[in-house]
Protein backbone atom coordinates (compact mmCIF):
# COMPACT_ATOMS: atom_id res chain seq x y z
CA MET A 1 -0.91 14.97 -30.67
CA LYS A 2 -0.69 11.54 -32.78
CA GLN A 3 3.04 11.19 -32.61
CA THR A 4 3.57 12.14 -29.22
CA LYS A 5 1.19 8.59 -28.31
CA LEU A 6 3.41 6.81 -30.70
CA VAL A 7 6.76 8.08 -29.07
CA PHE A 8 4.71 7.52 -24.96
CA ILE A 9 4.08 3.69 -26.63
CA VAL A 10 7.79 3.35 -27.78
CA LEU A 11 9.21 4.36 -24.45
CA LEU A 12 6.35 1.55 -22.60
CA ILE A 13 7.34 -1.00 -24.85
CA GLY A 14 11.04 0.12 -23.88
CA LEU A 15 10.45 0.44 -20.93
CA PHE A 16 8.84 -3.58 -20.71
CA ALA A 17 11.64 -5.07 -22.72
CA VAL A 18 13.99 -4.25 -20.43
CA GLN A 19 12.39 -6.08 -17.28
CA PHE A 20 12.46 -8.83 -19.51
CA VAL A 21 15.68 -8.95 -20.36
CA LEU A 22 16.73 -8.02 -17.05
CA ALA A 23 14.83 -10.52 -15.30
CA GLU A 24 15.90 -13.61 -17.59
CA VAL A 25 13.09 -15.82 -15.77
CA SER A 26 12.17 -18.74 -17.29
CA PRO A 27 8.64 -20.45 -16.68
CA SER A 28 10.40 -23.40 -14.27
CA ASP A 29 11.74 -20.74 -12.13
CA PHE A 30 8.31 -19.70 -10.57
CA LYS A 31 7.50 -21.76 -7.41
CA ASN A 32 4.06 -21.19 -6.73
CA GLY A 33 3.68 -17.90 -8.66
CA SER A 34 7.11 -16.33 -6.69
CA VAL A 35 9.92 -15.11 -8.61
CA GLU A 36 11.48 -15.25 -5.31
CA GLY A 37 15.33 -16.34 -5.78
CA VAL A 38 15.06 -15.75 -9.01
CA GLU A 39 18.41 -14.23 -10.81
CA GLY A 40 18.35 -10.49 -11.37
CA ILE A 41 14.99 -10.14 -10.00
CA GLU A 42 16.26 -7.80 -7.61
CA ASP A 43 18.23 -5.30 -10.30
CA VAL A 44 14.67 -5.10 -11.74
CA ARG A 45 12.97 -4.32 -9.01
CA SER A 46 15.44 -1.57 -8.12
CA SER A 47 15.11 -0.38 -11.51
CA ILE A 48 11.29 -0.14 -11.48
CA ALA A 49 11.66 1.91 -8.30
CA GLN A 50 14.36 4.30 -9.97
CA ILE A 51 12.01 4.68 -12.75
CA ILE A 52 8.70 5.58 -10.35
CA ALA A 53 10.99 7.67 -8.60
CA ILE A 54 11.60 9.99 -11.42
CA VAL A 55 7.98 10.10 -13.24
CA GLN A 56 6.82 10.98 -9.79
CA TRP A 57 9.70 14.30 -9.77
CA ALA A 58 8.94 14.39 -13.15
CA ALA A 59 4.98 15.06 -12.77
CA GLY A 60 5.58 16.69 -9.52
CA GLY A 61 7.16 19.76 -11.17
CA ILE A 62 5.59 19.84 -13.84
CA ALA A 63 2.45 19.95 -12.15
CA VAL A 64 3.96 22.80 -9.55
CA ILE A 65 4.93 24.92 -12.97
CA ALA A 66 1.84 24.30 -14.06
CA LEU A 67 0.39 25.62 -10.94
CA ALA A 68 2.20 28.67 -11.07
CA ILE A 69 1.71 29.54 -14.28
CA THR A 70 -2.03 29.05 -13.93
CA GLY A 71 -2.04 31.04 -11.02
CA ILE A 72 -0.72 33.88 -12.59
CA GLN A 73 -2.75 33.70 -14.83
CA PHE A 74 -5.71 33.34 -12.50
CA MET A 75 -4.36 37.24 -10.97
CA GLY A 76 -4.31 38.47 -14.16
CA VAL A 77 -8.07 37.33 -15.61
CA SER A 78 -11.21 39.82 -14.99
CA ASP A 79 -13.59 37.83 -17.08
CA PRO A 80 -15.59 35.22 -14.81
CA TYR A 81 -16.01 32.34 -17.04
CA GLU A 82 -11.80 32.61 -17.78
CA LYS A 83 -11.64 33.19 -13.81
CA LYS A 84 -14.18 29.48 -13.16
CA ARG A 85 -12.25 27.92 -16.01
CA LEU A 86 -8.38 28.58 -14.43
CA ALA A 87 -9.78 27.90 -10.81
CA ASP A 88 -10.98 24.52 -12.44
CA ARG A 89 -7.77 23.88 -13.85
CA ILE A 90 -6.10 24.66 -10.47
CA LYS A 91 -8.49 22.09 -8.32
CA TYR A 92 -7.44 19.43 -11.11
CA ILE A 93 -3.82 20.16 -10.82
CA LEU A 94 -4.01 20.01 -7.00
CA VAL A 95 -5.44 16.63 -7.40
CA GLY A 96 -3.33 15.23 -9.77
CA ILE A 97 -0.84 16.25 -7.37
CA VAL A 98 -2.23 14.74 -4.38
CA ILE A 99 -2.66 11.54 -6.65
CA VAL A 100 1.63 11.57 -7.49
CA ALA A 101 2.27 11.82 -4.16
CA LEU A 102 0.06 9.11 -2.75
CA SER A 103 0.46 6.34 -5.85
CA ILE A 104 2.85 4.46 -3.90
CA PRO A 105 0.94 4.16 -0.64
CA ILE A 106 -2.28 3.54 -2.20
CA VAL A 107 -0.25 0.86 -4.70
CA ASP A 108 0.73 -1.14 -1.29
CA LEU A 109 -2.51 -1.05 0.49
CA ILE A 110 -3.88 -2.96 -2.13
CA VAL A 111 -1.39 -5.05 -3.10
């Protein structure tokens, strides 16, 4: 588990480092807090959009696979406690799918 967290942190730091290298922004480039017109900013934005799309696709795929596996387990269980646990897991997976699907519109609404 610790190794997974370490890999995740390293990948996250790598993603941020790529953004800073691609942007080539100096403090004098900012005009009233805006980065519009800064050379390379569109490349960074498109890279981020591609990464977000890939993560959303992967998260949705993993959630659908988890939903299918949990549904099959749910059908084969007769113990009421285990059935309740699996039903809760299905609810959590469905909530996760909704959050992933609505993440971009929610962020656009806030920003």
